[in-house]
C-alpha atoms as a PDB file:
ATOM      1  CA  MET A   1     354.883  50.958 182.879  1.00  0.00           C
ATOM      2  CA  THR A   2     355.165  54.585 184.041  1.00  0.00           C
ATOM      3  CA  THR A   3     355.079  56.499 180.742  1.00  0.00           C
ATOM      4  CA  ALA A   4     351.762  57.824 179.491  1.00  0.00           C
ATOM      5  CA  ILE A   5     349.757  55.737 177.036  1.00  0.00           C
ATOM      6  CA  ASP A   6     347.615  57.485 174.449  1.00  0.00           C
ATOM      7  CA  ALA A   7     343.938  56.499 174.571  1.00  0.00           C
ATOM      8  CA  VAL A   8     341.398  56.702 171.761  1.00  0.00           C
ATOM      9  CA  VAL A   9     337.668  56.291 172.436  1.00  0.00           C
ATOM     10  CA  LEU A  10     335.410  55.212 169.568  1.00  0.00           C
ATOM     11  CA  GLY A  11     331.735  56.064 169.989  1.00  0.00           C
ATOM     12  CA  ALA A  12     332.756  58.715 172.492  1.00  0.00           C
ATOM     13  CA  SER A  13     329.461  60.634 172.359  1.00  0.00           C
ATOM     14  CA  GLY A  14     327.363  57.802 173.829  1.00  0.00           C
ATOM     15  CA  TYR A  15     326.721  57.022 177.472  1.00  0.00           C
ATOM     16  CA  VAL A  16     329.451  54.359 177.678  1.00  0.00           C
ATOM     17  CA  GLY A  17     331.778  56.619 175.698  1.00  0.00           C
ATOM     18  CA  GLY A  18     331.145  59.419 178.172  1.00  0.00           C
ATOM     19  CA  GLU A  19     331.969  57.102 181.069  1.00  0.00           C
ATOM     20  CA  LEU A  20     335.206  56.110 179.350  1.00  0.00           C
ATOM     21  CA  LEU A  21     336.127  59.775 178.955  1.00  0.00           C
ATOM     22  CA  ARG A  22     335.415  60.312 182.655  1.00  0.00           C
ATOM     23  CA  LEU A  23     337.563  57.355 183.706  1.00  0.00           C
ATOM     24  CA  ILE A  24     340.427  58.320 181.391  1.00  0.00           C
ATOM     25  CA  ALA A  25     340.436  61.857 182.805  1.00  0.00           C
ATOM     26  CA  ALA A  26     341.250  60.454 186.256  1.00  0.00           C
ATOM     27  CA  HIS A  27     343.590  57.680 185.113  1.00  0.00           C
ATOM     28  CA  PRO A  28     347.268  58.203 185.979  1.00  0.00           C
ATOM     29  CA  THR A  29     348.598  56.394 182.884  1.00  0.00           C
ATOM     30  CA  PHE A  30     346.121  56.802 180.024  1.00  0.00           C
ATOM     31  CA  ARG A  31     345.776  60.211 178.400  1.00  0.00           C
ATOM     32  CA  LEU A  32     343.105  61.068 175.878  1.00  0.00           C
ATOM     33  CA  ALA A  33     344.421  61.339 172.334  1.00  0.00           C
ATOM     34  CA  ALA A  34     341.066  61.371 170.534  1.00  0.00           C
ATOM     35  CA  ALA A  35     337.368  61.223 171.388  1.00  0.00           C
ATOM     36  CA  VAL A  36     335.919  59.863 168.158  1.00  0.00           C
ATOM     37  CA  SER A  37     332.358  60.621 167.084  1.00  0.00           C
ATOM     38  CA  GLU A  38     331.503  61.000 163.427  1.00  0.00           C
ATOM     39  CA  SER A  39     328.190  62.680 164.236  1.00  0.00           C
ATOM     40  CA  ARG A  40     329.776  65.191 166.639  1.00  0.00           C
ATOM     41  CA  ALA A  41     333.141  65.784 164.948  1.00  0.00           C
ATOM     42  CA  GLY A  42     334.367  69.327 165.554  1.00  0.00           C
ATOM     43  CA  THR A  43     332.012  70.044 168.458  1.00  0.00           C
ATOM     44  CA  PRO A  44     333.257  70.522 172.045  1.00  0.00           C
ATOM     45  CA  VAL A  45     333.282  67.519 174.352  1.00  0.00           C
ATOM     46  CA  SER A  46     332.125  69.803 177.153  1.00  0.00           C
ATOM     47  CA  GLY A  47     329.058  70.803 175.143  1.00  0.00           C
ATOM     48  CA  LEU A  48     327.754  67.247 175.203  1.00  0.00           C
ATOM     49  CA  PHE A  49     329.173  66.323 178.626  1.00  0.00           C
ATOM     50  CA  PRO A  50     329.128  69.473 180.791  1.00  0.00           C
ATOM     51  CA  SER A  51     330.197  67.401 183.787  1.00  0.00           C
ATOM     52  CA  LEU A  52     333.541  66.864 182.024  1.00  0.00           C
ATOM     53  CA  SER A  53     334.107  70.529 181.140  1.00  0.00           C
ATOM     54  CA  HIS A  54     336.867  70.954 183.740  1.00  0.00           C
ATOM     55  CA  CYS A  55     338.647  67.878 182.311  1.00  0.00           C
ATOM     56  CA  TYR A  56     338.305  68.597 178.599  1.00  0.00           C
ATOM     57  CA  ALA A  57     337.679  72.334 178.327  1.00  0.00           C
ATOM     58  CA  GLU A  58     339.518  72.675 175.013  1.00  0.00           C
ATOM     59  CA  ARG A  59     338.818  69.246 173.522  1.00  0.00           C
ATOM     60  CA  THR A  60     336.542  68.534 170.584  1.00  0.00           C
ATOM     61  CA  PHE A  61     335.212  65.300 169.162  1.00  0.00           C
ATOM     62  CA  THR A  62     337.125  64.098 166.125  1.00  0.00           C
ATOM     63  CA  ALA A  63     336.417  62.016 163.048  1.00  0.00           C
ATOM     64  CA  ILE A  64     337.841  58.518 162.880  1.00  0.00           C
ATOM     65  CA  ALA A  65     340.153  59.475 160.013  1.00  0.00           C
ATOM     66  CA  SER A  66     342.285  61.516 162.408  1.00  0.00           C
ATOM     67  CA  ALA A  67     342.006  59.219 165.453  1.00  0.00           C
ATOM     68  CA  VAL A  68     345.733  58.422 165.689  1.00  0.00           C
ATOM     69  CA  ASP A  69     347.158  61.525 164.004  1.00  0.00           C
ATOM     70  CA  ASP A  70     348.567  63.035 167.197  1.00  0.00           C
ATOM     71  CA  ILE A  71     350.187  59.829 168.447  1.00  0.00           C
ATOM     72  CA  ALA A  72     353.908  59.719 167.702  1.00  0.00           C
ATOM     73  CA  ASP A  73     355.169  56.963 165.413  1.00  0.00           C
ATOM     74  CA  GLY A  74     356.257  53.993 167.488  1.00  0.00           C
ATOM     75  CA  GLY A  75     354.128  55.102 170.432  1.00  0.00           C
ATOM     76  CA  SER A  76     351.438  53.294 172.403  1.00  0.00           C
ATOM     77  CA  LEU A  77     347.691  53.118 171.830  1.00  0.00           C
ATOM     78  CA  ALA A  78     344.913  52.035 174.189  1.00  0.00           C
ATOM     79  CA  LEU A  79     341.847  51.752 171.962  1.00  0.00           C
ATOM     80  CA  PHE A  80     338.452  51.741 173.676  1.00  0.00           C
ATOM     81  CA  ALA A  81     335.425  51.030 171.497  1.00  0.00           C
ATOM     82  CA  ALA A  82     331.882  51.939 172.524  1.00  0.00           C
ATOM     83  CA  ALA A  83     330.192  52.196 169.136  1.00  0.00           C
ATOM     84  CA  PRO A  84     326.993  50.236 168.352  1.00  0.00           C
ATOM     85  CA  HIS A  85     327.241  46.559 167.453  1.00  0.00           C
ATOM     86  CA  GLY A  86     327.692  46.006 163.754  1.00  0.00           C
ATOM     87  CA  VAL A  87     329.549  49.325 163.547  1.00  0.00           C
ATOM     88  CA  SER A  88     332.208  49.000 166.208  1.00  0.00           C
ATOM     89  CA  ALA A  89     334.235  46.205 164.586  1.00  0.00           C
ATOM     90  CA  LEU A  90     334.768  48.168 161.362  1.00  0.00           C
ATOM     91  CA  ALA A  91     335.898  51.216 163.322  1.00  0.00           C
ATOM     92  CA  VAL A  92     338.246  49.093 165.440  1.00  0.00           C
ATOM     93  CA  ALA A  93     339.706  47.501 162.301  1.00  0.00           C
ATOM     94  CA  ARG A  94     340.257  50.898 160.735  1.00  0.00           C
ATOM     95  CA  VAL A  95     342.059  52.334 163.763  1.00  0.00           C
ATOM     96  CA  LEU A  96     344.166  49.210 164.341  1.00  0.00           C
ATOM     97  CA  ASP A  97     345.223  49.344 160.692  1.00  0.00           C
ATOM     98  CA  ALA A  98     346.263  52.983 161.091  1.00  0.00           C
ATOM     99  CA  ALA A  99     348.117  52.066 164.282  1.00  0.00           C
ATOM    100  CA  SER A 100     349.991  49.318 162.454  1.00  0.00           C
ATOM    101  CA  ARG A 101     351.099  51.750 159.731  1.00  0.00           C
ATOM    102  CA  LYS A 102     352.514  54.024 162.451  1.00  0.00           C
ATOM    103  CA  SER A 103     354.174  51.085 164.256  1.00  0.00           C
ATOM    104  CA  LEU A 104     352.164  51.698 167.402  1.00  0.00           C
ATOM    105  CA  GLU A 105     351.972  49.111 170.141  1.00  0.00           C
ATOM    106  CA  ALA A 106     348.217  48.754 170.453  1.00  0.00           C
ATOM    107  CA  HIS A 107     345.634  46.985 172.596  1.00  0.00           C
ATOM    108  CA  ALA A 108     341.877  47.286 172.074  1.00  0.00           C
ATOM    109  CA  VAL A 109     338.910  46.626 174.340  1.00  0.00           C
ATOM    110  CA  ASP A 110     335.515  46.656 172.646  1.00  0.00           C
ATOM    111  CA  ALA A 111     332.407  47.193 174.778  1.00  0.00           C
ATOM    112  CA  SER A 112     330.056  46.462 171.869  1.00  0.00           C
ATOM    113  CA  ALA A 113     328.778  42.990 170.968  1.00  0.00           C
ATOM    114  CA  ASP A 114     331.058  42.614 167.951  1.00  0.00           C
ATOM    115  CA  PHE A 115     333.789  40.591 169.676  1.00  0.00           C
ATOM    116  CA  ARG A 116     331.785  38.637 172.244  1.00  0.00           C
ATOM    117  CA  TYR A 117     331.590  35.470 170.150  1.00  0.00           C
ATOM    118  CA  ALA A 118     334.486  33.340 168.977  1.00  0.00           C
ATOM    119  CA  SER A 119     333.085  32.830 165.482  1.00  0.00           C
ATOM    120  CA  ALA A 120     331.356  34.939 162.865  1.00  0.00           C
ATOM    121  CA  GLU A 121     328.637  32.287 162.619  1.00  0.00           C
ATOM    122  CA  ALA A 122     327.783  32.542 166.327  1.00  0.00           C
ATOM    123  CA  PHE A 123     327.578  36.333 166.065  1.00  0.00           C
ATOM    124  CA  GLU A 124     325.357  36.146 162.988  1.00  0.00           C
ATOM    125  CA  SER A 125     323.003  33.632 164.607  1.00  0.00           C
ATOM    126  CA  VAL A 126     322.268  36.084 167.437  1.00  0.00           C
ATOM    127  CA  TYR A 127     322.424  39.469 165.687  1.00  0.00           C
ATOM    128  CA  GLY A 128     321.173  38.489 162.252  1.00  0.00           C
ATOM    129  CA  LEU A 129     323.923  40.206 160.248  1.00  0.00           C
ATOM    130  CA  PRO A 130     327.317  39.164 158.915  1.00  0.00           C
ATOM    131  CA  HIS A 131     330.224  39.917 161.190  1.00  0.00           C
ATOM    132  CA  PRO A 132     331.781  43.227 160.080  1.00  0.00           C
ATOM    133  CA  ALA A 133     335.422  42.170 160.594  1.00  0.00           C
ATOM    134  CA  PRO A 134     335.717  38.383 160.928  1.00  0.00           C
ATOM    135  CA  GLU A 135     339.461  38.504 160.267  1.00  0.00           C
ATOM    136  CA  LEU A 136     339.936  40.167 163.687  1.00  0.00           C
ATOM    137  CA  LEU A 137     338.050  37.572 165.730  1.00  0.00           C
ATOM    138  CA  PRO A 138     341.132  35.381 166.454  1.00  0.00           C
ATOM    139  CA  GLN A 139     342.821  38.430 168.005  1.00  0.00           C
ATOM    140  CA  PHE A 140     340.051  38.986 170.568  1.00  0.00           C
ATOM    141  CA  GLU A 141     339.020  37.126 173.697  1.00  0.00           C
ATOM    142  CA  CYS A 142     335.807  37.702 175.637  1.00  0.00           C
ATOM    143  CA  ALA A 143     335.290  37.217 179.379  1.00  0.00           C
ATOM    144  CA  VAL A 144     334.473  39.015 182.591  1.00  0.00           C
ATOM    145  CA  PRO A 145     337.903  39.984 184.019  1.00  0.00           C
ATOM    146  CA  GLU A 146     337.324  37.929 187.181  1.00  0.00           C
ATOM    147  CA  HIS A 147     336.741  34.763 185.141  1.00  0.00           C
ATOM    148  CA  LEU A 148     339.849  34.875 182.958  1.00  0.00           C
ATOM    149  CA  LEU A 149     342.946  35.870 184.855  1.00  0.00           C
ATOM    150  CA  GLU A 150     345.265  35.738 181.845  1.00  0.00           C
ATOM    151  CA  THR A 151     344.827  36.127 178.117  1.00  0.00           C
ATOM    152  CA  ARG A 152     347.335  35.769 175.318  1.00  0.00           C
ATOM    153  CA  ALA A 153     345.068  37.678 172.952  1.00  0.00           C
ATOM    154  CA  PRO A 154     346.138  41.269 172.276  1.00  0.00           C
ATOM    155  CA  HIS A 155     342.535  42.541 172.414  1.00  0.00           C
ATOM    156  CA  VAL A 156     339.368  41.900 174.444  1.00  0.00           C
ATOM    157  CA  GLY A 157     335.629  42.004 173.826  1.00  0.00           C
ATOM    158  CA  HIS A 158     333.798  42.950 177.003  1.00  0.00           C
ATOM    159  CA  PRO A 159     330.592  41.045 177.843  1.00  0.00           C
ATOM    160  CA  GLY A 160     327.297  42.933 177.899  1.00  0.00           C
ATOM    161  CA  CYS A 161     326.107  44.653 181.066  1.00  0.00           C
ATOM    162  CA  PHE A 162     323.342  42.138 181.850  1.00  0.00           C
ATOM    163  CA  ALA A 163     325.745  39.321 180.959  1.00  0.00           C
ATOM    164  CA  THR A 164     328.366  40.692 183.357  1.00  0.00           C
ATOM    165  CA  ALA A 165     325.966  40.710 186.290  1.00  0.00           C
ATOM    166  CA  VAL A 166     324.567  37.241 185.549  1.00  0.00           C
ATOM    167  CA  LEU A 167     328.003  35.715 185.008  1.00  0.00           C
ATOM    168  CA  LEU A 168     329.345  37.125 188.277  1.00  0.00           C
ATOM    169  CA  ALA A 169     326.433  35.472 190.081  1.00  0.00           C
ATOM    170  CA  ALA A 170     326.366  32.169 188.185  1.00  0.00           C
ATOM    171  CA  VAL A 171     329.932  31.093 187.546  1.00  0.00           C
ATOM    172  CA  PRO A 172     330.999  30.389 191.177  1.00  0.00           C
ATOM    173  CA  LEU A 173     328.029  28.036 191.643  1.00  0.00           C
ATOM    174  CA  LEU A 174     328.728  26.071 188.479  1.00  0.00           C
ATOM    175  CA  ALA A 175     332.515  26.082 188.850  1.00  0.00           C
ATOM    176  CA  ALA A 176     332.136  24.419 192.264  1.00  0.00           C
ATOM    177  CA  ASP A 177     329.461  22.043 190.900  1.00  0.00           C
ATOM    178  CA  LEU A 178     327.021  23.206 193.580  1.00  0.00           C
ATOM    179  CA  VAL A 179     323.919  23.495 191.386  1.00  0.00           C
ATOM    180  CA  ASP A 180     322.100  21.934 188.488  1.00  0.00           C
ATOM    181  CA  ALA A 181     322.840  23.582 185.149  1.00  0.00           C
ATOM    182  CA  GLU A 182     319.390  25.102 184.647  1.00  0.00           C
ATOM    183  CA  LEU A 183     319.411  28.700 185.852  1.00  0.00           C
ATOM    184  CA  TYR A 184     316.439  31.021 186.255  1.00  0.00           C
ATOM    185  CA  VAL A 185     317.351  34.690 186.131  1.00  0.00           C
ATOM    186  CA  THR A 186     315.453  37.938 186.447  1.00  0.00           C
ATOM    187  CA  GLY A 187     317.219  41.260 185.994  1.00  0.00           C
ATOM    188  CA  ILE A 188     316.243  44.904 186.114  1.00  0.00           C
ATOM    189  CA  THR A 189     318.219  47.640 184.364  1.00  0.00           C
ATOM    190  CA  GLY A 190     318.287  51.408 184.343  1.00  0.00           C
ATOM    191  CA  SER A 191     317.375  53.506 181.333  1.00  0.00           C
ATOM    192  CA  THR A 192     320.996  54.254 180.362  1.00  0.00           C
ATOM    193  CA  GLY A 193     321.241  50.616 179.287  1.00  0.00           C
ATOM    194  CA  SER A 194     319.275  51.508 176.154  1.00  0.00           C
ATOM    195  CA  GLY A 195     321.830  54.093 175.021  1.00  0.00           C
ATOM    196  CA  ARG A 196     321.648  57.808 174.283  1.00  0.00           C
ATOM    197  CA  THR A 197     319.260  57.609 171.312  1.00  0.00           C
ATOM    198  CA  PRO A 198     315.723  58.234 172.624  1.00  0.00           C
ATOM    199  CA  GLN A 199     313.177  55.447 172.293  1.00  0.00           C
ATOM    200  CA  ALA A 200     309.859  54.568 173.852  1.00  0.00           C
ATOM    201  CA  GLY A 201     311.388  52.386 176.563  1.00  0.00           C
ATOM    202  CA  THR A 202     313.609  55.208 177.830  1.00  0.00           C
ATOM    203  CA  HIS A 203     311.090  58.061 177.518  1.00  0.00           C
ATOM    204  CA  HIS A 204     310.738  59.511 181.034  1.00  0.00           C
ATOM    205  CA  PRO A 205     306.919  59.456 181.310  1.00  0.00           C
ATOM    206  CA  GLU A 206     306.924  55.769 180.316  1.00  0.00           C
ATOM    207  CA  ARG A 207     309.812  54.780 182.589  1.00  0.00           C
ATOM    208  CA  HIS A 208     309.179  56.865 185.707  1.00  0.00           C
ATOM    209  CA  GLY A 209     307.317  54.959 188.416  1.00  0.00           C
ATOM    210  CA  ASN A 210     307.106  51.932 186.156  1.00  0.00           C
ATOM    211  CA  VAL A 211     308.596  48.417 185.922  1.00  0.00           C
ATOM    212  CA  TYR A 212     308.005  46.012 183.047  1.00  0.00           C
ATOM    213  CA  ALA A 213     309.549  42.913 181.498  1.00  0.00           C
ATOM    214  CA  TYR A 214     310.694  42.739 177.887  1.00  0.00           C
ATOM    215  CA  LYS A 215     312.050  40.041 175.565  1.00  0.00           C
ATOM    216  CA  ALA A 216     311.218  37.392 178.170  1.00  0.00           C
ATOM    217  CA  LEU A 217     313.215  34.201 177.493  1.00  0.00           C
ATOM    218  CA  ARG A 218     314.360  35.721 174.187  1.00  0.00           C
ATOM    219  CA  HIS A 219     316.964  38.296 175.174  1.00  0.00           C
ATOM    220  CA  ARG A 220     320.093  38.173 173.042  1.00  0.00           C
ATOM    221  CA  HIS A 221     322.363  38.173 176.101  1.00  0.00           C
ATOM    222  CA  ALA A 222     321.189  34.668 177.057  1.00  0.00           C
ATOM    223  CA  PRO A 223     323.285  32.770 174.443  1.00  0.00           C
ATOM    224  CA  GLU A 224     326.237  35.034 175.260  1.00  0.00           C
ATOM    225  CA  ILE A 225     325.882  34.158 178.957  1.00  0.00           C
ATOM    226  CA  GLU A 226     325.629  30.440 178.200  1.00  0.00           C
ATOM    227  CA  ALA A 227     328.746  30.536 176.007  1.00  0.00           C
ATOM    228  CA  LEU A 228     330.784  32.402 178.625  1.00  0.00           C
ATOM    229  CA  ILE A 229     329.598  30.107 181.440  1.00  0.00           C
ATOM    230  CA  ASN A 230     330.835  27.166 179.380  1.00  0.00           C
ATOM    231  CA  LYS A 231     334.136  28.925 178.760  1.00  0.00           C
ATOM    232  CA  ALA A 232     334.649  29.694 182.471  1.00  0.00           C
ATOM    233  CA  THR A 233     333.471  26.379 183.932  1.00  0.00           C
ATOM    234  CA  ASP A 234     333.502  23.746 181.160  1.00  0.00           C
ATOM    235  CA  ARG A 235     329.827  23.194 181.956  1.00  0.00           C
ATOM    236  CA  ALA A 236     326.887  23.651 179.621  1.00  0.00           C
ATOM    237  CA  ALA A 237     324.143  25.674 181.289  1.00  0.00           C
ATOM    238  CA  ARG A 238     320.658  26.659 180.234  1.00  0.00           C
ATOM    239  CA  VAL A 239     319.822  30.240 181.167  1.00  0.00           C
ATOM    240  CA  CYS A 240     316.142  31.196 181.384  1.00  0.00           C
ATOM    241  CA  PHE A 241     316.412  34.978 181.476  1.00  0.00           C
ATOM    242  CA  VAL A 242     313.694  37.603 181.927  1.00  0.00           C
ATOM    243  CA  PRO A 243     314.973  41.204 181.785  1.00  0.00           C
ATOM    244  CA  HIS A 244     313.030  44.194 183.139  1.00  0.00           C
ATOM    245  CA  SER A 245     313.179  47.948 182.611  1.00  0.00           C
ATOM    246  CA  GLY A 246     313.422  49.922 185.847  1.00  0.00           C
ATOM    247  CA  PRO A 247     312.516  53.517 186.761  1.00  0.00           C
ATOM    248  CA  PHE A 248     316.110  54.635 187.418  1.00  0.00           C
ATOM    249  CA  ALA A 249     318.967  55.817 185.207  1.00  0.00           C
ATOM    250  CA  ARG A 250     321.862  53.523 186.091  1.00  0.00           C
ATOM    251  CA  GLY A 251     322.439  50.142 187.612  1.00  0.00           C
ATOM    252  CA  ILE A 252     321.543  46.482 187.151  1.00  0.00           C
ATOM    253  CA  TYR A 253     320.081  44.168 189.768  1.00  0.00           C
ATOM    254  CA  VAL A 254     320.022  40.458 188.981  1.00  0.00           C
ATOM    255  CA  THR A 255     318.399  37.605 190.894  1.00  0.00           C
ATOM    256  CA  LEU A 256     319.516  34.092 189.937  1.00  0.00           C
ATOM    257  CA  GLN A 257     317.867  30.913 191.213  1.00  0.00           C
ATOM    258  CA  ALA A 258     319.016  27.299 190.843  1.00  0.00           C
ATOM    259  CA  ARG A 259     318.609  23.860 192.413  1.00  0.00           C
ATOM    260  CA  LEU A 260     321.357  22.742 194.791  1.00  0.00           C
ATOM    261  CA  LYS A 261     322.940  19.347 194.219  1.00  0.00           C
ATOM    262  CA  ALA A 262     323.495  18.897 197.975  1.00  0.00           C
ATOM    263  CA  PRO A 263     322.143  20.896 200.933  1.00  0.00           C
ATOM    264  CA  LEU A 264     324.030  23.996 202.065  1.00  0.00           C
ATOM    265  CA  ASP A 265     323.228  26.677 204.598  1.00  0.00           C
ATOM    266  CA  ASP A 266     323.549  30.406 203.918  1.00  0.00           C
ATOM    267  CA  SER A 267     326.986  30.694 205.495  1.00  0.00           C
ATOM    268  CA  GLU A 268     328.404  27.752 203.523  1.00  0.00           C
ATOM    269  CA  LEU A 269     327.005  29.149 200.309  1.00  0.00           C
ATOM    270  CA  ARG A 270     328.447  32.620 200.851  1.00  0.00           C
ATOM    271  CA  ASP A 271     331.799  31.118 201.818  1.00  0.00           C
ATOM    272  CA  ALA A 272     331.866  29.156 198.546  1.00  0.00           C
ATOM    273  CA  VAL A 273     331.259  32.315 196.513  1.00  0.00           C
ATOM    274  CA  ARG A 274     333.855  34.222 198.542  1.00  0.00           C
ATOM    275  CA  ARG A 275     336.441  31.507 197.900  1.00  0.00           C
ATOM    276  CA  TYR A 276     335.867  31.779 194.164  1.00  0.00           C
ATOM    277  CA  TYR A 277     336.411  35.549 194.199  1.00  0.00           C
ATOM    278  CA  ARG A 278     339.310  35.529 196.663  1.00  0.00           C
ATOM    279  CA  GLY A 279     341.739  38.146 195.418  1.00  0.00           C
ATOM    280  CA  SER A 280     339.171  39.874 193.188  1.00  0.00           C
ATOM    281  CA  GLU A 281     339.328  43.550 194.048  1.00  0.00           C
ATOM    282  CA  PHE A 282     335.925  44.494 192.674  1.00  0.00           C
ATOM    283  CA  VAL A 283     333.626  41.630 193.706  1.00  0.00           C
ATOM    284  CA  HIS A 284     332.330  41.570 197.273  1.00  0.00           C
ATOM    285  CA  VAL A 285     330.016  39.055 198.938  1.00  0.00           C
ATOM    286  CA  VAL A 286     327.723  40.812 201.416  1.00  0.00           C
ATOM    287  CA  ASP A 287     325.828  39.166 204.272  1.00  0.00           C
ATOM    288  CA  SER A 288     322.512  40.761 203.344  1.00  0.00           C
ATOM    289  CA  ALA A 289     320.870  41.508 200.008  1.00  0.00           C
ATOM    290  CA  PRO A 290     322.988  43.869 197.879  1.00  0.00           C
ATOM    291  CA  ARG A 291     321.688  47.332 197.038  1.00  0.00           C
ATOM    292  CA  LEU A 292     322.179  49.364 193.884  1.00  0.00           C
ATOM    293  CA  LYS A 293     323.062  52.574 195.725  1.00  0.00           C
ATOM    294  CA  ASP A 294     326.109  50.837 197.182  1.00  0.00           C
ATOM    295  CA  VAL A 295     327.656  50.231 193.757  1.00  0.00           C
ATOM    296  CA  VAL A 296     326.272  52.834 191.321  1.00  0.00           C
ATOM    297  CA  ALA A 297     328.989  54.914 189.600  1.00  0.00           C
ATOM    298  CA  SER A 298     331.683  52.430 190.702  1.00  0.00           C
ATOM    299  CA  ASN A 299     333.392  49.365 189.251  1.00  0.00           C
ATOM    300  CA  HIS A 300     332.292  47.200 192.171  1.00  0.00           C
ATOM    301  CA  CYS A 301     329.873  44.283 192.214  1.00  0.00           C
ATOM    302  CA  HIS A 302     328.029  43.256 195.375  1.00  0.00           C
ATOM    303  CA  LEU A 303     326.798  39.679 195.606  1.00  0.00           C
ATOM    304  CA  GLY A 304     324.316  38.298 198.130  1.00  0.00           C
ATOM    305  CA  ALA A 305     323.306  34.656 198.512  1.00  0.00           C
ATOM    306  CA  ALA A 306     320.690  32.628 200.362  1.00  0.00           C
ATOM    307  CA  THR A 307     319.395  29.062 200.410  1.00  0.00           C
ATOM    308  CA  ASN A 308     316.583  27.034 201.896  1.00  0.00           C
ATOM    309  CA  GLY A 309     318.647  23.867 201.743  1.00  0.00           C
ATOM    310  CA  GLY A 310     317.450  22.689 198.350  1.00  0.00           C
ATOM    311  CA  ASN A 311     317.344  25.876 196.294  1.00  0.00           C
ATOM    312  CA  VAL A 312     319.755  28.751 196.025  1.00  0.00           C
ATOM    313  CA  VAL A 313     319.451  32.408 195.112  1.00  0.00           C
ATOM    314  CA  VAL A 314     322.355  34.711 194.255  1.00  0.00           C
ATOM    315  CA  MET A 315     321.750  38.422 193.827  1.00  0.00           C
ATOM    316  CA  ALA A 316     324.132  40.748 191.986  1.00  0.00           C
ATOM    317  CA  ALA A 317     324.205  44.551 191.885  1.00  0.00           C
ATOM    318  CA  ILE A 318     326.432  46.464 189.466  1.00  0.00           C
ATOM    319  CA  ASP A 319     326.540  49.770 187.633  1.00  0.00           C
ATOM    320  CA  ASN A 320     325.655  48.970 184.017  1.00  0.00           C
ATOM    321  CA  LEU A 321     327.811  51.788 182.612  1.00  0.00           C
ATOM    322  CA  VAL A 322     330.875  51.120 184.765  1.00  0.00           C
ATOM    323  CA  LYS A 323     331.356  47.492 185.834  1.00  0.00           C
ATOM    324  CA  GLY A 324     329.055  46.416 182.999  1.00  0.00           C
ATOM    325  CA  ALA A 325     330.867  48.405 180.320  1.00  0.00           C
ATOM    326  CA  ALA A 326     333.394  51.267 180.689  1.00  0.00           C
ATOM    327  CA  GLY A 327     334.864  50.216 184.050  1.00  0.00           C
ATOM    328  CA  GLY A 328     335.178  46.584 183.034  1.00  0.00           C
ATOM    329  CA  ALA A 329     336.822  47.739 179.807  1.00  0.00           C
ATOM    330  CA  MET A 330     339.271  49.864 181.802  1.00  0.00           C
ATOM    331  CA  GLN A 331     339.983  46.914 184.099  1.00  0.00           C
ATOM    332  CA  TRP A 332     340.840  44.813 181.046  1.00  0.00           C
ATOM    333  CA  MET A 333     342.914  47.571 179.457  1.00  0.00           C
ATOM    334  CA  ASN A 334     344.974  47.897 182.629  1.00  0.00           C
ATOM    335  CA  ARG A 335     345.728  44.189 182.420  1.00  0.00           C
ATOM    336  CA  LEU A 336     346.599  44.257 178.740  1.00  0.00           C
ATOM    337  CA  TRP A 337     349.220  46.902 179.525  1.00  0.00           C
ATOM    338  CA  SER A 338     350.463  44.993 182.633  1.00  0.00           C
ATOM    339  CA  LEU A 339     349.181  47.733 184.932  1.00  0.00           C
ATOM    340  CA  PRO A 340     347.469  47.078 188.280  1.00  0.00           C
ATOM    341  CA  GLU A 341     343.910  46.245 187.255  1.00  0.00           C
ATOM    342  CA  THR A 342     342.511  48.664 189.857  1.00  0.00           C
ATOM    343  CA  ARG A 343     344.345  51.680 188.435  1.00  0.00           C
ATOM    344  CA  GLY A 344     341.935  54.556 187.843  1.00  0.00           C
ATOM    345  CA  LEU A 345     339.010  52.534 189.242  1.00  0.00           C
ATOM    346  CA  THR A 346     339.368  52.837 193.002  1.00  0.00           C
ATOM    347  CA  ALA A 347     336.874  55.664 193.635  1.00  0.00           C
ATOM    348  CA  ALA A 348     334.152  54.626 196.071  1.00  0.00           C
ATOM    349  CA  PRO A 349     330.496  54.748 194.956  1.00  0.00           C
ATOM    350  CA  PRO A 350     328.702  57.981 195.986  1.00  0.00           C
ATOM    351  CA  ALA A 351     325.868  56.026 197.705  1.00  0.00           C
ATOM    352  CA  TRP A 352     323.305  58.871 197.726  1.00  0.00           C
ATOM    353  CA  THR A 353     322.700  59.057 194.000  1.00  0.00           C
END
């Protein structure tokens, strides 16, 4: 496809929304039709995101009611959703309904939690509220792009940022039946993972020079990770996950440990992970431990692996806002429109952030 595709971003005033606006500005096929934010409607995009002022000098945030107004009847819509969970699904349903009335060909990718589970009951058991749009669930599929090469669903729910990093580390081991199905994971995330709304955990004096665990063994991404491991490998895994808050703005670093079923050396282990991701443009197995600065602000994931013969460790480094959210969503959207999945995502990480 060479003609431009109109893009709408829901929740465009948040951190993930801002990243989506940045990626769309540099994308050769998607063009921004609407940056939707009910709380910021009518205000300039550049006022909230000065770094995007040269891209969107004349653009303002819009209300959802006018999200598809400027798209011609019978046109194309790439709908990106980055609204909070419990809110996003209703907004997606509203825009898809408007798109249907205008006979638009539409694909949606939701970066919230609303379409990460196959059933309304599974969503409710984790988030404690009824699913906002259960009628849409059969139209969505959830997976890391590298773990589901094809989907017949018209829309995709993107896994969470922590889930993305853990899944990229875990799935090759379980798919090759190299390890027992009990996984021990620690992860550390930057402050942007908590969103734009200020809270104690993201307040600079509390976060700077500090590291602390939270929701140990009770984080809501754990059941999501287990479900997606099962989907990718047909194996049931138990994930013992301890997340940490780190003193930096962006990035996730995950360390996964498991028991090997048969002895392997470091080289054999890395080769097994490389084989799994052969052909994956954004996942790279490095010979040493990965580093956040080598991936921040990019859609790349670096994986490192080591073993002592009986135990294995796999380390994953990603940018939580890009590979863990907006970049992964763009990767999926490219696929849904039969575009090269790397389109608009090939910029190298800046390294000296």
